[in-house]
Structure formats: C-alpha cells, structure tokens
C-alpha cells in the first residue's frame, strides 16, 4: 500500500483520436484493501476512476457518473492498456 509519506506521481501522456491529441493525466493509488486504482483526467476534465482488472490485464473505468458514458470506448481502451503497465 502506498504510505501517506510516499509521493504520488502523475503520469502524463497523449492518445490520438482521429488525428487529434487527447491529453491524459493519471495518478496511481491503492485502496484500503490493496486494490490498484487510478485517478484519470482527460483533457483537464473532472477526475474519472479506473481500476486495474487482473482478468483483463488492463485498467477499466469504474466511475458511476453519467459523464463516463461520454468517453469514447477507444479512449477508454487505450488508457486502460497504458495504465496496465503502471499497475
């Protein structure tokens, strides 16, 4: 588990959708029961929560808000694959 004194780093990367860059910021953290989660912002959006799914070997969006439906499935897939390396 990440301790309170351990510095959380934010990974920044771009994904290209139809030739346009999509800026992604993701911060990894662990829940109290040691599940790996990510706080993800897309183009400076409010934060979405992604969780690492071992059976899929990638991170998936688990946010319950209706805003998550606005994320392109391609973007979610790319973010999930990219974050799997950090998990």
C-alpha atoms as a PDB file:
ATOM      1  CA  UNK A   1       0.000   0.000   0.000  1.00  0.00           C
ATOM      2  CA  UNK A   2       1.237   3.499  -0.755  1.00  0.00           C
ATOM      3  CA  UNK A   3       2.020   5.176   2.539  1.00  0.00           C
ATOM      4  CA  UNK A   4       0.956   8.700   3.318  1.00  0.00           C
ATOM      5  CA  UNK A   5       4.566   9.806   3.084  1.00  0.00           C
ATOM      6  CA  UNK A   6       5.174   8.186  -0.302  1.00  0.00           C
ATOM      7  CA  UNK A   7       4.888  10.688  -3.132  1.00  0.00           C
ATOM      8  CA  UNK A   8       2.170  10.004  -5.683  1.00  0.00           C
ATOM      9  CA  UNK A   9       3.326  10.748  -9.199  1.00  0.00           C
ATOM     10  CA  UNK A  10       1.109  11.708 -12.082  1.00  0.00           C
ATOM     11  CA  UNK A  11       1.766  10.127 -15.452  1.00  0.00           C
ATOM     12  CA  UNK A  12       1.002  12.356 -18.435  1.00  0.00           C
ATOM     13  CA  UNK A  13       0.590  11.046 -21.967  1.00  0.00           C
ATOM     14  CA  UNK A  14      -1.277  11.715 -25.211  1.00  0.00           C
ATOM     15  CA  UNK A  15      -3.607   9.455 -27.142  1.00  0.00           C
ATOM     16  CA  UNK A  16      -4.522  10.342 -30.697  1.00  0.00           C
ATOM     17  CA  UNK A  17      -8.173  10.154 -31.736  1.00  0.00           C
ATOM     18  CA  UNK A  18      -8.936  10.941 -35.375  1.00  0.00           C
ATOM     19  CA  UNK A  19      -5.606  12.741 -35.660  1.00  0.00           C
ATOM     20  CA  UNK A  20      -6.208  14.967 -32.626  1.00  0.00           C
ATOM     21  CA  UNK A  21      -4.238  14.588 -29.398  1.00  0.00           C
ATOM     22  CA  UNK A  22      -6.119  13.761 -26.211  1.00  0.00           C
ATOM     23  CA  UNK A  23      -4.161  14.733 -23.083  1.00  0.00           C
ATOM     24  CA  UNK A  24      -4.375  12.208 -20.244  1.00  0.00           C
ATOM     25  CA  UNK A  25      -3.186  12.603 -16.638  1.00  0.00           C
ATOM     26  CA  UNK A  26      -3.295   9.551 -14.376  1.00  0.00           C
ATOM     27  CA  UNK A  27      -2.326   9.120 -10.721  1.00  0.00           C
ATOM     28  CA  UNK A  28      -1.997   5.626  -9.247  1.00  0.00           C
ATOM     29  CA  UNK A  29      -3.173   4.826  -5.715  1.00  0.00           C
ATOM     30  CA  UNK A  30      -4.210   1.823  -3.623  1.00  0.00           C
ATOM     31  CA  UNK A  31      -7.431   1.428  -1.704  1.00  0.00           C
ATOM     32  CA  UNK A  32      -7.514   0.294   1.927  1.00  0.00           C
ATOM     33  CA  UNK A  33      -7.901  -3.305   0.685  1.00  0.00           C
ATOM     34  CA  UNK A  34      -4.879  -3.022  -1.666  1.00  0.00           C
ATOM     35  CA  UNK A  35      -6.800  -2.672  -4.940  1.00  0.00           C
ATOM     36  CA  UNK A  36      -4.973  -0.599  -7.539  1.00  0.00           C
ATOM     37  CA  UNK A  37      -6.910   2.432  -8.771  1.00  0.00           C
ATOM     38  CA  UNK A  38      -6.137   5.431 -10.951  1.00  0.00           C
ATOM     39  CA  UNK A  39      -7.475   8.972 -10.887  1.00  0.00           C
ATOM     40  CA  UNK A  40      -7.685   9.926 -14.569  1.00  0.00           C
ATOM     41  CA  UNK A  41      -8.309  13.312 -16.162  1.00  0.00           C
ATOM     42  CA  UNK A  42      -8.889  13.562 -19.913  1.00  0.00           C
ATOM     43  CA  UNK A  43      -8.214  16.975 -21.484  1.00  0.00           C
ATOM     44  CA  UNK A  44      -8.362  18.547 -17.996  1.00  0.00           C
ATOM     45  CA  UNK A  45     -11.792  17.021 -17.311  1.00  0.00           C
ATOM     46  CA  UNK A  46     -13.027  16.191 -13.832  1.00  0.00           C
ATOM     47  CA  UNK A  47     -11.440  13.008 -12.487  1.00  0.00           C
ATOM     48  CA  UNK A  48     -12.630   9.550 -13.536  1.00  0.00           C
ATOM     49  CA  UNK A  49     -11.743   6.462 -11.520  1.00  0.00           C
ATOM     50  CA  UNK A  50     -10.158   3.479 -13.269  1.00  0.00           C
ATOM     51  CA  UNK A  51      -9.469   0.152 -11.535  1.00  0.00           C
ATOM     52  CA  UNK A  52      -6.952  -2.496 -12.547  1.00  0.00           C
ATOM     53  CA  UNK A  53      -8.706  -5.713 -13.612  1.00  0.00           C
ATOM     54  CA  UNK A  54      -6.330  -8.688 -13.450  1.00  0.00           C
ATOM     55  CA  UNK A  55      -8.574 -10.905 -15.588  1.00  0.00           C
ATOM     56  CA  UNK A  56      -8.489  -8.355 -18.436  1.00  0.00           C
ATOM     57  CA  UNK A  57      -4.901  -7.273 -17.720  1.00  0.00           C
ATOM     58  CA  UNK A  58      -5.850  -3.608 -18.028  1.00  0.00           C
ATOM     59  CA  UNK A  59      -7.460  -0.771 -16.144  1.00  0.00           C
ATOM     60  CA  UNK A  60     -11.160  -0.155 -16.744  1.00  0.00           C
ATOM     61  CA  UNK A  61     -13.359   2.840 -15.956  1.00  0.00           C
ATOM     62  CA  UNK A  62     -15.478   2.147 -12.880  1.00  0.00           C
ATOM     63  CA  UNK A  63     -16.854   5.634 -12.328  1.00  0.00           C
ATOM     64  CA  UNK A  64     -20.620   5.574 -11.744  1.00  0.00           C
ATOM     65  CA  UNK A  65     -21.303   9.068 -13.107  1.00  0.00           C
ATOM     66  CA  UNK A  66     -23.108   9.621 -16.388  1.00  0.00           C
ATOM     67  CA  UNK A  67     -20.074  11.569 -17.611  1.00  0.00           C
ATOM     68  CA  UNK A  68     -18.144   8.320 -18.085  1.00  0.00           C
ATOM     69  CA  UNK A  69     -20.512   7.468 -20.966  1.00  0.00           C
ATOM     70  CA  UNK A  70     -19.081  10.448 -22.859  1.00  0.00           C
ATOM     71  CA  UNK A  71     -15.654   8.794 -23.071  1.00  0.00           C
ATOM     72  CA  UNK A  72     -15.019   7.093 -26.381  1.00  0.00           C
ATOM     73  CA  UNK A  73     -14.602   3.309 -25.986  1.00  0.00           C
ATOM     74  CA  UNK A  74     -11.357   3.672 -27.969  1.00  0.00           C
ATOM     75  CA  UNK A  75     -10.044   6.233 -25.457  1.00  0.00           C
ATOM     76  CA  UNK A  76     -11.046   4.037 -22.508  1.00  0.00           C
ATOM     77  CA  UNK A  77      -9.333   1.024 -24.127  1.00  0.00           C
ATOM     78  CA  UNK A  78      -6.126   2.967 -24.824  1.00  0.00           C
ATOM     79  CA  UNK A  79      -5.999   4.443 -21.319  1.00  0.00           C
ATOM     80  CA  UNK A  80      -6.678   1.029 -19.788  1.00  0.00           C
ATOM     81  CA  UNK A  81      -3.889  -0.621 -21.748  1.00  0.00           C
ATOM     82  CA  UNK A  82      -1.455   2.172 -20.961  1.00  0.00           C
ATOM     83  CA  UNK A  83      -2.228   2.091 -17.237  1.00  0.00           C
ATOM     84  CA  UNK A  84      -1.817  -1.699 -17.088  1.00  0.00           C
ATOM     85  CA  UNK A  85       1.921  -1.149 -17.425  1.00  0.00           C
ATOM     86  CA  UNK A  86       1.843   1.087 -14.339  1.00  0.00           C
ATOM     87  CA  UNK A  87      -0.202  -1.368 -12.273  1.00  0.00           C
END
